[in-house]
Amino acid sequence: MSNPLTAKAAVPYARALFDFSVEKNIMHQITADFQNLDVFLDEASELTDYLSNPVVRASAKREILEKTVKSQINTETFKFLMILVERDRINLLRAVINNYLELVYQTASIKMIEVSTASSFTNAQKNSLIEKLKELTNAREIRLVINEDPSLIGGFLIKTESKIIDFTVKNQLQQLAKHLDTVLEI
């Protein structure tokens, strides 16, 4: 979720759930639930729209969550979703999931790295990239978020928290064009 206000509002909920999950020793279950929920919400965008709709009553949101996800997730995770519904904060669910997973990954020394590529990677390429990134970041584990962007022409772009590494053909062509501009201005 790119809205900074939404992301900021989600932080206390994610932090509270994270602290609760550590205290009750159920972090792995809630993390698995949130990873699955994240994938499910990607595939069911109409559910996200429905839950975010301010016109829909809380009771209807509660009912749809009971029918769609209750049997698939941990009881504590479901109770948390109900708290979000009661407090009219279910629209923050995606941001809460992202913030919660970020806290878990920080704790477990797992780095989330965004990779943009012109075409999809093979499994061998993915594994090779993960191994190199582990060496560079000293992370125990790497989670890749891969975006396909045909405008890159070829190669890939890596974004971490503090660095951008650009190995795209598009970037190389832009660098070449800049170089030619300076050479030809003589």
N, C-alpha and C. Protein backbone atom coordinates (compact mmCIF):
# COMPACT_ATOMS: atom_id res chain seq x y z
N MET A 1 0.84 -1.17 0.00
CA MET A 1 0.00 0.00 0.00
C MET A 1 0.88 1.23 0.00
N SER A 2 0.69 2.12 -0.95
CA SER A 2 1.61 3.22 -1.12
C SER A 2 1.21 4.48 -0.35
N ASN A 3 0.00 4.54 0.16
CA ASN A 3 -0.44 5.72 0.90
C ASN A 3 0.30 5.79 2.24
N PRO A 4 1.12 6.86 2.44
CA PRO A 4 1.91 6.93 3.68
C PRO A 4 1.06 7.06 4.94
N LEU A 5 -0.10 7.70 4.84
CA LEU A 5 -0.97 7.81 6.02
C LEU A 5 -1.53 6.46 6.43
N THR A 6 -1.92 5.67 5.43
CA THR A 6 -2.44 4.33 5.70
C THR A 6 -1.34 3.47 6.32
N ALA A 7 -0.15 3.56 5.75
CA ALA A 7 0.97 2.77 6.27
C ALA A 7 1.27 3.17 7.71
N LYS A 8 1.23 4.47 8.00
CA LYS A 8 1.53 4.95 9.35
C LYS A 8 0.44 4.51 10.35
N ALA A 9 -0.81 4.56 9.92
CA ALA A 9 -1.92 4.14 10.79
C ALA A 9 -1.87 2.65 11.08
N ALA A 10 -1.29 1.88 10.17
CA ALA A 10 -1.24 0.42 10.34
C ALA A 10 -0.15 -0.03 11.30
N VAL A 11 0.87 0.80 11.49
CA VAL A 11 2.03 0.40 12.31
C VAL A 11 1.66 -0.06 13.72
N PRO A 12 0.85 0.72 14.48
CA PRO A 12 0.54 0.26 15.85
C PRO A 12 -0.19 -1.08 15.89
N TYR A 13 -1.06 -1.33 14.91
CA TYR A 13 -1.78 -2.61 14.87
C TYR A 13 -0.80 -3.75 14.58
N ALA A 14 0.08 -3.53 13.61
CA ALA A 14 1.07 -4.56 13.27
C ALA A 14 1.99 -4.82 14.46
N ARG A 15 2.43 -3.76 15.12
CA ARG A 15 3.34 -3.89 16.27
C ARG A 15 2.66 -4.64 17.41
N ALA A 16 1.40 -4.28 17.68
CA ALA A 16 0.66 -4.95 18.76
C ALA A 16 0.48 -6.44 18.47
N LEU A 17 0.14 -6.76 17.23
CA LEU A 17 -0.02 -8.16 16.87
C LEU A 17 1.32 -8.90 16.94
N PHE A 18 2.38 -8.25 16.49
CA PHE A 18 3.71 -8.85 16.55
C PHE A 18 4.08 -9.16 17.99
N ASP A 19 3.93 -8.17 18.88
CA ASP A 19 4.26 -8.36 20.30
C ASP A 19 3.42 -9.48 20.91
N PHE A 20 2.13 -9.50 20.57
CA PHE A 20 1.22 -10.54 21.06
C PHE A 20 1.67 -11.92 20.56
N SER A 21 2.03 -12.00 19.28
CA SER A 21 2.41 -13.30 18.70
C SER A 21 3.71 -13.83 19.33
N VAL A 22 4.63 -12.92 19.66
CA VAL A 22 5.87 -13.32 20.32
C VAL A 22 5.56 -13.80 21.74
N GLU A 23 4.73 -13.03 22.45
CA GLU A 23 4.38 -13.35 23.84
C GLU A 23 3.67 -14.70 23.94
N LYS A 24 2.78 -14.97 23.00
CA LYS A 24 2.00 -16.22 23.03
C LYS A 24 2.69 -17.36 22.27
N ASN A 25 3.88 -17.07 21.72
CA ASN A 25 4.63 -18.06 20.98
C ASN A 25 3.86 -18.62 19.77
N ILE A 26 3.19 -17.74 19.06
CA ILE A 26 2.44 -18.16 17.87
C ILE A 26 2.84 -17.34 16.63
N MET A 27 4.04 -16.78 16.68
CA MET A 27 4.49 -15.94 15.57
C MET A 27 4.49 -16.72 14.25
N HIS A 28 4.92 -17.95 14.26
CA HIS A 28 4.98 -18.73 13.02
C HIS A 28 3.61 -18.94 12.41
N GLN A 29 2.61 -19.23 13.25
CA GLN A 29 1.25 -19.44 12.73
C GLN A 29 0.68 -18.15 12.14
N ILE A 30 0.84 -17.05 12.87
CA ILE A 30 0.28 -15.78 12.38
C ILE A 30 1.04 -15.32 11.13
N THR A 31 2.33 -15.53 11.11
CA THR A 31 3.12 -15.17 9.93
C THR A 31 2.64 -15.97 8.72
N ALA A 32 2.46 -17.26 8.89
CA ALA A 32 1.97 -18.11 7.79
C ALA A 32 0.58 -17.64 7.35
N ASP A 33 -0.28 -17.33 8.33
CA ASP A 33 -1.63 -16.83 7.99
C ASP A 33 -1.55 -15.55 7.17
N PHE A 34 -0.69 -14.63 7.60
CA PHE A 34 -0.58 -13.35 6.90
C PHE A 34 0.05 -13.51 5.51
N GLN A 35 1.01 -14.42 5.38
CA GLN A 35 1.58 -14.66 4.05
C GLN A 35 0.51 -15.24 3.12
N ASN A 36 -0.28 -16.17 3.62
CA ASN A 36 -1.37 -16.75 2.83
C ASN A 36 -2.46 -15.72 2.54
N LEU A 37 -2.79 -14.92 3.55
CA LEU A 37 -3.80 -13.87 3.36
C LEU A 37 -3.35 -12.87 2.31
N ASP A 38 -2.09 -12.52 2.32
CA ASP A 38 -1.54 -11.57 1.36
C ASP A 38 -1.73 -12.09 -0.07
N VAL A 39 -1.40 -13.36 -0.28
CA VAL A 39 -1.58 -13.99 -1.60
C VAL A 39 -3.07 -14.04 -1.95
N PHE A 40 -3.90 -14.43 -0.99
CA PHE A 40 -5.34 -14.53 -1.21
C PHE A 40 -5.93 -13.17 -1.59
N LEU A 41 -5.53 -12.12 -0.89
CA LEU A 41 -6.06 -10.78 -1.18
C LEU A 41 -5.57 -10.27 -2.54
N ASP A 42 -4.38 -10.70 -2.96
CA ASP A 42 -3.91 -10.36 -4.31
C ASP A 42 -4.82 -10.95 -5.36
N GLU A 43 -5.24 -12.20 -5.12
CA GLU A 43 -6.07 -12.91 -6.08
C GLU A 43 -7.54 -12.50 -6.00
N ALA A 44 -7.98 -12.02 -4.84
CA ALA A 44 -9.38 -11.65 -4.64
C ALA A 44 -9.50 -10.14 -4.37
N SER A 45 -9.15 -9.36 -5.37
CA SER A 45 -9.15 -7.90 -5.19
C SER A 45 -10.54 -7.36 -4.87
N GLU A 46 -11.58 -8.05 -5.33
CA GLU A 46 -12.94 -7.59 -5.02
C GLU A 46 -13.24 -7.72 -3.52
N LEU A 47 -12.63 -8.68 -2.85
CA LEU A 47 -12.79 -8.81 -1.40
C LEU A 47 -12.13 -7.62 -0.70
N THR A 48 -10.94 -7.25 -1.15
CA THR A 48 -10.24 -6.09 -0.59
C THR A 48 -11.08 -4.83 -0.78
N ASP A 49 -11.64 -4.67 -1.98
CA ASP A 49 -12.50 -3.51 -2.25
C ASP A 49 -13.72 -3.51 -1.35
N TYR A 50 -14.32 -4.68 -1.16
CA TYR A 50 -15.51 -4.82 -0.32
C TYR A 50 -15.19 -4.45 1.13
N LEU A 51 -14.08 -4.98 1.65
CA LEU A 51 -13.70 -4.71 3.04
C LEU A 51 -13.32 -3.25 3.25
N SER A 52 -12.81 -2.60 2.22
CA SER A 52 -12.39 -1.20 2.32
C SER A 52 -13.53 -0.22 2.09
N ASN A 53 -14.66 -0.72 1.63
CA ASN A 53 -15.80 0.14 1.31
C ASN A 53 -16.44 0.66 2.60
N PRO A 54 -16.45 1.97 2.82
CA PRO A 54 -17.02 2.53 4.06
C PRO A 54 -18.54 2.41 4.15
N VAL A 55 -19.19 2.14 3.02
CA VAL A 55 -20.65 2.03 3.01
C VAL A 55 -21.11 0.66 3.55
N VAL A 56 -20.26 -0.35 3.40
CA VAL A 56 -20.60 -1.70 3.86
C VAL A 56 -20.53 -1.76 5.38
N ARG A 57 -21.59 -2.28 6.01
CA ARG A 57 -21.65 -2.37 7.47
C ARG A 57 -20.63 -3.37 8.02
N ALA A 58 -20.23 -3.13 9.24
CA ALA A 58 -19.26 -4.01 9.91
C ALA A 58 -19.79 -5.44 10.01
N SER A 59 -21.08 -5.59 10.23
CA SER A 59 -21.64 -6.94 10.36
C SER A 59 -21.51 -7.71 9.04
N ALA A 60 -21.66 -7.02 7.92
CA ALA A 60 -21.51 -7.67 6.62
C ALA A 60 -20.05 -8.04 6.38
N LYS A 61 -19.13 -7.19 6.80
CA LYS A 61 -17.70 -7.47 6.65
C LYS A 61 -17.31 -8.67 7.52
N ARG A 62 -17.86 -8.69 8.74
CA ARG A 62 -17.59 -9.80 9.66
C ARG A 62 -18.09 -11.11 9.03
N GLU A 63 -19.29 -11.07 8.46
CA GLU A 63 -19.89 -12.26 7.87
C GLU A 63 -19.07 -12.78 6.68
N ILE A 64 -18.62 -11.87 5.82
CA ILE A 64 -17.86 -12.30 4.64
C ILE A 64 -16.51 -12.90 5.07
N LEU A 65 -15.89 -12.34 6.10
CA LEU A 65 -14.63 -12.89 6.59
C LEU A 65 -14.84 -14.27 7.22
N GLU A 66 -15.97 -14.44 7.93
CA GLU A 66 -16.28 -15.75 8.52
C GLU A 66 -16.43 -16.81 7.43
N LYS A 67 -17.07 -16.42 6.33
CA LYS A 67 -17.32 -17.38 5.24
C LYS A 67 -16.07 -17.66 4.41
N THR A 68 -15.21 -16.66 4.24
CA THR A 68 -14.07 -16.83 3.32
C THR A 68 -12.78 -17.28 3.99
N VAL A 69 -12.46 -16.75 5.18
CA VAL A 69 -11.12 -17.04 5.73
C VAL A 69 -11.09 -17.70 7.10
N LYS A 70 -12.18 -17.67 7.83
CA LYS A 70 -12.15 -18.16 9.21
C LYS A 70 -11.62 -19.59 9.33
N SER A 71 -12.07 -20.47 8.45
CA SER A 71 -11.66 -21.88 8.55
C SER A 71 -10.22 -22.09 8.07
N GLN A 72 -9.64 -21.09 7.40
CA GLN A 72 -8.30 -21.24 6.83
C GLN A 72 -7.18 -20.69 7.71
N ILE A 73 -7.55 -19.94 8.77
CA ILE A 73 -6.52 -19.27 9.56
C ILE A 73 -6.63 -19.58 11.05
N ASN A 74 -5.57 -19.28 11.76
CA ASN A 74 -5.49 -19.45 13.21
C ASN A 74 -6.59 -18.64 13.90
N THR A 75 -7.09 -19.12 15.03
CA THR A 75 -8.14 -18.43 15.78
C THR A 75 -7.70 -17.03 16.19
N GLU A 76 -6.46 -16.89 16.63
CA GLU A 76 -5.96 -15.58 17.07
C GLU A 76 -5.87 -14.60 15.90
N THR A 77 -5.48 -15.09 14.74
CA THR A 77 -5.43 -14.24 13.55
C THR A 77 -6.82 -13.76 13.20
N PHE A 78 -7.79 -14.67 13.27
CA PHE A 78 -9.17 -14.30 12.96
C PHE A 78 -9.70 -13.28 13.98
N LYS A 79 -9.40 -13.48 15.26
CA LYS A 79 -9.82 -12.51 16.28
C LYS A 79 -9.25 -11.13 15.97
N PHE A 80 -8.00 -11.10 15.52
CA PHE A 80 -7.38 -9.83 15.17
C PHE A 80 -8.12 -9.16 14.01
N LEU A 81 -8.49 -9.95 13.00
CA LEU A 81 -9.27 -9.40 11.88
C LEU A 81 -10.59 -8.82 12.37
N MET A 82 -11.21 -9.49 13.34
CA MET A 82 -12.48 -9.00 13.88
C MET A 82 -12.28 -7.68 14.64
N ILE A 83 -11.14 -7.54 15.30
CA ILE A 83 -10.83 -6.27 15.98
C ILE A 83 -10.71 -5.15 14.95
N LEU A 84 -10.04 -5.45 13.84
CA LEU A 84 -9.93 -4.44 12.77
C LEU A 84 -11.31 -4.06 12.24
N VAL A 85 -12.19 -5.03 12.10
CA VAL A 85 -13.55 -4.75 11.62
C VAL A 85 -14.29 -3.88 12.64
N GLU A 86 -14.25 -4.28 13.93
CA GLU A 86 -14.95 -3.54 14.98
C GLU A 86 -14.48 -2.09 15.07
N ARG A 87 -13.19 -1.88 14.89
CA ARG A 87 -12.63 -0.53 15.01
C ARG A 87 -12.64 0.23 13.68
N ASP A 88 -13.31 -0.35 12.70
CA ASP A 88 -13.43 0.26 11.37
C ASP A 88 -12.05 0.50 10.76
N ARG A 89 -11.16 -0.46 10.94
CA ARG A 89 -9.79 -0.37 10.42
C ARG A 89 -9.44 -1.53 9.49
N ILE A 90 -10.43 -2.28 9.05
CA ILE A 90 -10.16 -3.42 8.18
C ILE A 90 -9.60 -2.94 6.83
N ASN A 91 -9.85 -1.68 6.50
CA ASN A 91 -9.28 -1.13 5.27
C ASN A 91 -7.75 -1.03 5.34
N LEU A 92 -7.20 -1.15 6.55
CA LEU A 92 -5.74 -1.11 6.74
C LEU A 92 -5.10 -2.50 6.64
N LEU A 93 -5.90 -3.51 6.36
CA LEU A 93 -5.41 -4.90 6.44
C LEU A 93 -4.14 -5.12 5.63
N ARG A 94 -4.09 -4.68 4.38
CA ARG A 94 -2.88 -4.90 3.56
C ARG A 94 -1.66 -4.23 4.19
N ALA A 95 -1.83 -3.01 4.67
CA ALA A 95 -0.72 -2.29 5.29
C ALA A 95 -0.30 -2.97 6.61
N VAL A 96 -1.27 -3.47 7.36
CA VAL A 96 -0.96 -4.19 8.61
C VAL A 96 -0.17 -5.46 8.29
N ILE A 97 -0.62 -6.19 7.27
CA ILE A 97 0.09 -7.40 6.87
C ILE A 97 1.53 -7.07 6.49
N ASN A 98 1.71 -6.05 5.65
CA ASN A 98 3.06 -5.68 5.21
C ASN A 98 3.94 -5.25 6.38
N ASN A 99 3.40 -4.45 7.29
CA ASN A 99 4.17 -4.00 8.45
C ASN A 99 4.50 -5.16 9.39
N TYR A 100 3.54 -6.04 9.61
CA TYR A 100 3.77 -7.20 10.48
C TYR A 100 4.87 -8.09 9.90
N LEU A 101 4.77 -8.41 8.60
CA LEU A 101 5.77 -9.26 7.97
C LEU A 101 7.15 -8.60 7.99
N GLU A 102 7.18 -7.29 7.83
CA GLU A 102 8.45 -6.57 7.91
C GLU A 102 9.09 -6.74 9.29
N LEU A 103 8.28 -6.65 10.35
CA LEU A 103 8.78 -6.85 11.72
C LEU A 103 9.32 -8.27 11.89
N VAL A 104 8.59 -9.24 11.38
CA VAL A 104 9.01 -10.64 11.47
C VAL A 104 10.33 -10.84 10.73
N TYR A 105 10.42 -10.29 9.52
CA TYR A 105 11.62 -10.47 8.71
C TYR A 105 12.83 -9.79 9.35
N GLN A 106 12.62 -8.62 9.95
CA GLN A 106 13.72 -7.95 10.65
C GLN A 106 14.21 -8.81 11.80
N THR A 107 13.28 -9.36 12.56
CA THR A 107 13.63 -10.19 13.71
C THR A 107 14.39 -11.44 13.27
N ALA A 108 13.99 -12.01 12.15
CA ALA A 108 14.59 -13.27 11.69
C ALA A 108 15.76 -13.05 10.73
N SER A 109 16.19 -11.79 10.56
CA SER A 109 17.27 -11.46 9.63
C SER A 109 16.93 -11.91 8.21
N ILE A 110 15.69 -11.63 7.82
CA ILE A 110 15.24 -11.91 6.46
C ILE A 110 15.10 -10.57 5.75
N LYS A 111 15.71 -10.44 4.59
CA LYS A 111 15.65 -9.20 3.83
C LYS A 111 14.64 -9.32 2.70
N MET A 112 13.79 -8.30 2.59
CA MET A 112 12.87 -8.20 1.46
C MET A 112 13.57 -7.36 0.41
N ILE A 113 13.72 -7.90 -0.77
CA ILE A 113 14.40 -7.19 -1.85
C ILE A 113 13.51 -7.21 -3.09
N GLU A 114 13.31 -6.01 -3.63
CA GLU A 114 12.48 -5.86 -4.81
C GLU A 114 13.36 -5.94 -6.05
N VAL A 115 12.96 -6.78 -6.99
CA VAL A 115 13.71 -6.94 -8.24
C VAL A 115 12.75 -6.69 -9.39
N SER A 116 13.13 -5.74 -10.26
CA SER A 116 12.36 -5.49 -11.47
C SER A 116 13.14 -6.07 -12.64
N THR A 117 12.44 -6.78 -13.49
CA THR A 117 13.09 -7.46 -14.60
C THR A 117 12.25 -7.34 -15.87
N ALA A 118 12.92 -7.38 -17.02
CA ALA A 118 12.21 -7.28 -18.29
C ALA A 118 11.43 -8.56 -18.58
N SER A 119 11.97 -9.70 -18.18
CA SER A 119 11.28 -10.97 -18.37
C SER A 119 11.49 -11.82 -17.12
N SER A 120 10.67 -12.85 -16.98
CA SER A 120 10.72 -13.63 -15.74
C SER A 120 12.02 -14.42 -15.62
N PHE A 121 12.43 -14.64 -14.36
CA PHE A 121 13.63 -15.41 -14.06
C PHE A 121 13.31 -16.90 -14.08
N THR A 122 14.30 -17.72 -14.41
CA THR A 122 14.17 -19.16 -14.21
C THR A 122 14.44 -19.43 -12.73
N ASN A 123 14.12 -20.61 -12.27
CA ASN A 123 14.40 -20.96 -10.87
C ASN A 123 15.90 -20.92 -10.58
N ALA A 124 16.71 -21.36 -11.53
CA ALA A 124 18.17 -21.35 -11.35
C ALA A 124 18.67 -19.91 -11.21
N GLN A 125 18.14 -19.00 -12.04
CA GLN A 125 18.54 -17.59 -11.95
C GLN A 125 18.12 -16.99 -10.61
N LYS A 126 16.89 -17.31 -10.18
CA LYS A 126 16.39 -16.82 -8.89
C LYS A 126 17.29 -17.28 -7.75
N ASN A 127 17.60 -18.58 -7.75
CA ASN A 127 18.43 -19.14 -6.68
C ASN A 127 19.82 -18.53 -6.68
N SER A 128 20.38 -18.33 -7.85
CA SER A 128 21.71 -17.72 -7.97
C SER A 128 21.68 -16.29 -7.44
N LEU A 129 20.65 -15.54 -7.81
CA LEU A 129 20.51 -14.16 -7.34
C LEU A 129 20.35 -14.13 -5.82
N ILE A 130 19.54 -15.02 -5.28
CA ILE A 130 19.33 -15.08 -3.82
C ILE A 130 20.65 -15.34 -3.11
N GLU A 131 21.45 -16.27 -3.61
CA GLU A 131 22.73 -16.58 -2.98
C GLU A 131 23.67 -15.37 -3.01
N LYS A 132 23.74 -14.69 -4.15
CA LYS A 132 24.59 -13.48 -4.24
C LYS A 132 24.10 -12.40 -3.28
N LEU A 133 22.77 -12.21 -3.21
CA LEU A 133 22.22 -11.18 -2.33
C LEU A 133 22.45 -11.52 -0.86
N LYS A 134 22.43 -12.79 -0.51
CA LYS A 134 22.74 -13.20 0.86
C LYS A 134 24.16 -12.78 1.23
N GLU A 135 25.09 -13.00 0.28
CA GLU A 135 26.49 -12.61 0.51
C GLU A 135 26.61 -11.10 0.69
N LEU A 136 25.93 -10.36 -0.18
CA LEU A 136 26.05 -8.89 -0.16
C LEU A 136 25.41 -8.26 1.08
N THR A 137 24.30 -8.84 1.55
CA THR A 137 23.54 -8.21 2.64
C THR A 137 23.78 -8.85 4.00
N ASN A 138 24.48 -9.98 4.04
CA ASN A 138 24.68 -10.73 5.29
C ASN A 138 23.36 -11.17 5.91
N ALA A 139 22.36 -11.36 5.08
CA ALA A 139 21.06 -11.82 5.58
C ALA A 139 21.05 -13.34 5.64
N ARG A 140 20.30 -13.85 6.58
CA ARG A 140 20.16 -15.30 6.69
C ARG A 140 19.28 -15.84 5.57
N GLU A 141 18.27 -15.04 5.20
CA GLU A 141 17.34 -15.44 4.16
C GLU A 141 16.94 -14.21 3.34
N ILE A 142 16.65 -14.43 2.08
CA ILE A 142 16.23 -13.36 1.17
C ILE A 142 14.84 -13.69 0.64
N ARG A 143 13.94 -12.72 0.69
CA ARG A 143 12.63 -12.85 0.05
C ARG A 143 12.61 -11.88 -1.12
N LEU A 144 12.42 -12.41 -2.31
CA LEU A 144 12.37 -11.57 -3.50
C LEU A 144 10.94 -11.18 -3.83
N VAL A 145 10.76 -9.91 -4.16
CA VAL A 145 9.49 -9.42 -4.70
C VAL A 145 9.83 -9.07 -6.14
N ILE A 146 9.36 -9.89 -7.07
CA ILE A 146 9.75 -9.73 -8.47
C ILE A 146 8.62 -9.06 -9.25
N ASN A 147 8.99 -7.97 -9.94
CA ASN A 147 8.07 -7.25 -10.81
C ASN A 147 8.59 -7.33 -12.24
N GLU A 148 7.72 -7.69 -13.17
CA GLU A 148 8.12 -7.70 -14.57
C GLU A 148 7.79 -6.35 -15.19
N ASP A 149 8.79 -5.75 -15.88
CA ASP A 149 8.63 -4.45 -16.52
C ASP A 149 9.32 -4.51 -17.88
N PRO A 150 8.56 -4.77 -18.95
CA PRO A 150 9.15 -4.91 -20.28
C PRO A 150 9.90 -3.65 -20.75
N SER A 151 9.59 -2.48 -20.17
CA SER A 151 10.26 -1.25 -20.58
C SER A 151 11.75 -1.25 -20.22
N LEU A 152 12.18 -2.19 -19.38
CA LEU A 152 13.59 -2.28 -19.00
C LEU A 152 14.44 -2.89 -20.11
N ILE A 153 13.79 -3.44 -21.11
CA ILE A 153 14.39 -4.06 -22.30
C ILE A 153 15.09 -5.37 -21.96
N GLY A 154 15.97 -5.37 -20.99
CA GLY A 154 16.69 -6.57 -20.57
C GLY A 154 17.38 -6.29 -19.25
N GLY A 155 17.92 -7.32 -18.63
CA GLY A 155 18.60 -7.14 -17.36
C GLY A 155 17.62 -7.03 -16.20
N PHE A 156 18.11 -6.44 -15.08
CA PHE A 156 17.24 -6.30 -13.91
C PHE A 156 17.71 -5.15 -13.03
N LEU A 157 16.81 -4.72 -12.15
CA LEU A 157 17.03 -3.63 -11.22
C LEU A 157 16.75 -4.17 -9.82
N ILE A 158 17.68 -3.98 -8.89
CA ILE A 158 17.53 -4.47 -7.52
C ILE A 158 17.35 -3.29 -6.59
N LYS A 159 16.31 -3.34 -5.75
CA LYS A 159 16.08 -2.28 -4.75
C LYS A 159 16.06 -2.91 -3.37
N THR A 160 16.97 -2.41 -2.52
CA THR A 160 16.94 -2.80 -1.11
C THR A 160 16.52 -1.57 -0.33
N GLU A 161 16.59 -1.63 0.99
CA GLU A 161 16.20 -0.48 1.80
C GLU A 161 17.04 0.75 1.47
N SER A 162 18.33 0.56 1.20
CA SER A 162 19.22 1.71 1.05
C SER A 162 19.94 1.79 -0.29
N LYS A 163 19.80 0.81 -1.14
CA LYS A 163 20.54 0.79 -2.39
C LYS A 163 19.65 0.45 -3.58
N ILE A 164 20.05 0.98 -4.73
CA ILE A 164 19.46 0.59 -6.00
C ILE A 164 20.61 0.17 -6.90
N ILE A 165 20.54 -1.05 -7.40
CA ILE A 165 21.58 -1.57 -8.29
C ILE A 165 20.89 -1.81 -9.64
N ASP A 166 21.35 -1.09 -10.66
CA ASP A 166 20.69 -1.11 -11.95
C ASP A 166 21.54 -1.82 -13.00
N PHE A 167 21.12 -3.02 -13.39
CA PHE A 167 21.78 -3.80 -14.43
C PHE A 167 20.90 -3.90 -15.67
N THR A 168 20.04 -2.89 -15.91
CA THR A 168 19.10 -2.97 -17.03
C THR A 168 19.72 -2.45 -18.31
N VAL A 169 19.27 -2.99 -19.43
CA VAL A 169 19.71 -2.51 -20.74
C VAL A 169 19.26 -1.06 -20.92
N LYS A 170 18.08 -0.75 -20.45
CA LYS A 170 17.56 0.61 -20.54
C LYS A 170 18.53 1.61 -19.89
N ASN A 171 19.02 1.30 -18.70
CA ASN A 171 19.96 2.16 -17.99
C ASN A 171 21.28 2.27 -18.76
N GLN A 172 21.76 1.14 -19.28
CA GLN A 172 23.01 1.16 -20.04
C GLN A 172 22.89 2.02 -21.29
N LEU A 173 21.73 1.95 -21.95
CA LEU A 173 21.49 2.79 -23.14
C LEU A 173 21.43 4.27 -22.76
N GLN A 174 20.81 4.57 -21.61
CA GLN A 174 20.74 5.96 -21.15
C GLN A 174 22.14 6.48 -20.81
N GLN A 175 22.97 5.64 -20.17
CA GLN A 175 24.34 6.04 -19.85
C GLN A 175 25.14 6.28 -21.14
N LEU A 176 24.96 5.42 -22.12
CA LEU A 176 25.64 5.56 -23.40
C LEU A 176 25.21 6.85 -24.09
N ALA A 177 23.93 7.15 -24.05
CA ALA A 177 23.40 8.37 -24.68
C ALA A 177 24.00 9.61 -23.99
N LYS A 178 24.09 9.60 -22.67
CA LYS A 178 24.70 10.72 -21.94
C LYS A 178 26.16 10.88 -22.34
N HIS A 179 26.87 9.77 -22.42
CA HIS A 179 28.28 9.81 -22.80
C HIS A 179 28.45 10.37 -24.20
N LEU A 180 27.61 9.90 -25.12
CA LEU A 180 27.69 10.41 -26.49
C LEU A 180 27.35 11.89 -26.57
N ASP A 181 26.40 12.33 -25.77
CA ASP A 181 26.05 13.76 -25.73
C ASP A 181 27.25 14.59 -25.30
N THR A 182 27.97 14.14 -24.27
CA THR A 182 29.14 14.92 -23.80
C THR A 182 30.28 14.87 -24.80
N VAL A 183 30.48 13.73 -25.46
CA VAL A 183 31.55 13.58 -26.45
C VAL A 183 31.26 14.41 -27.70
N LEU A 184 30.00 14.40 -28.14
CA LEU A 184 29.62 15.08 -29.38
C LEU A 184 29.47 16.59 -29.22
N GLU A 185 29.49 17.10 -28.01
CA GLU A 185 29.34 18.55 -27.77
C GLU A 185 30.66 19.29 -27.95
N ILE A 186 31.70 18.63 -28.26
CA ILE A 186 33.03 19.25 -28.40
C ILE A 186 33.07 20.23 -29.52
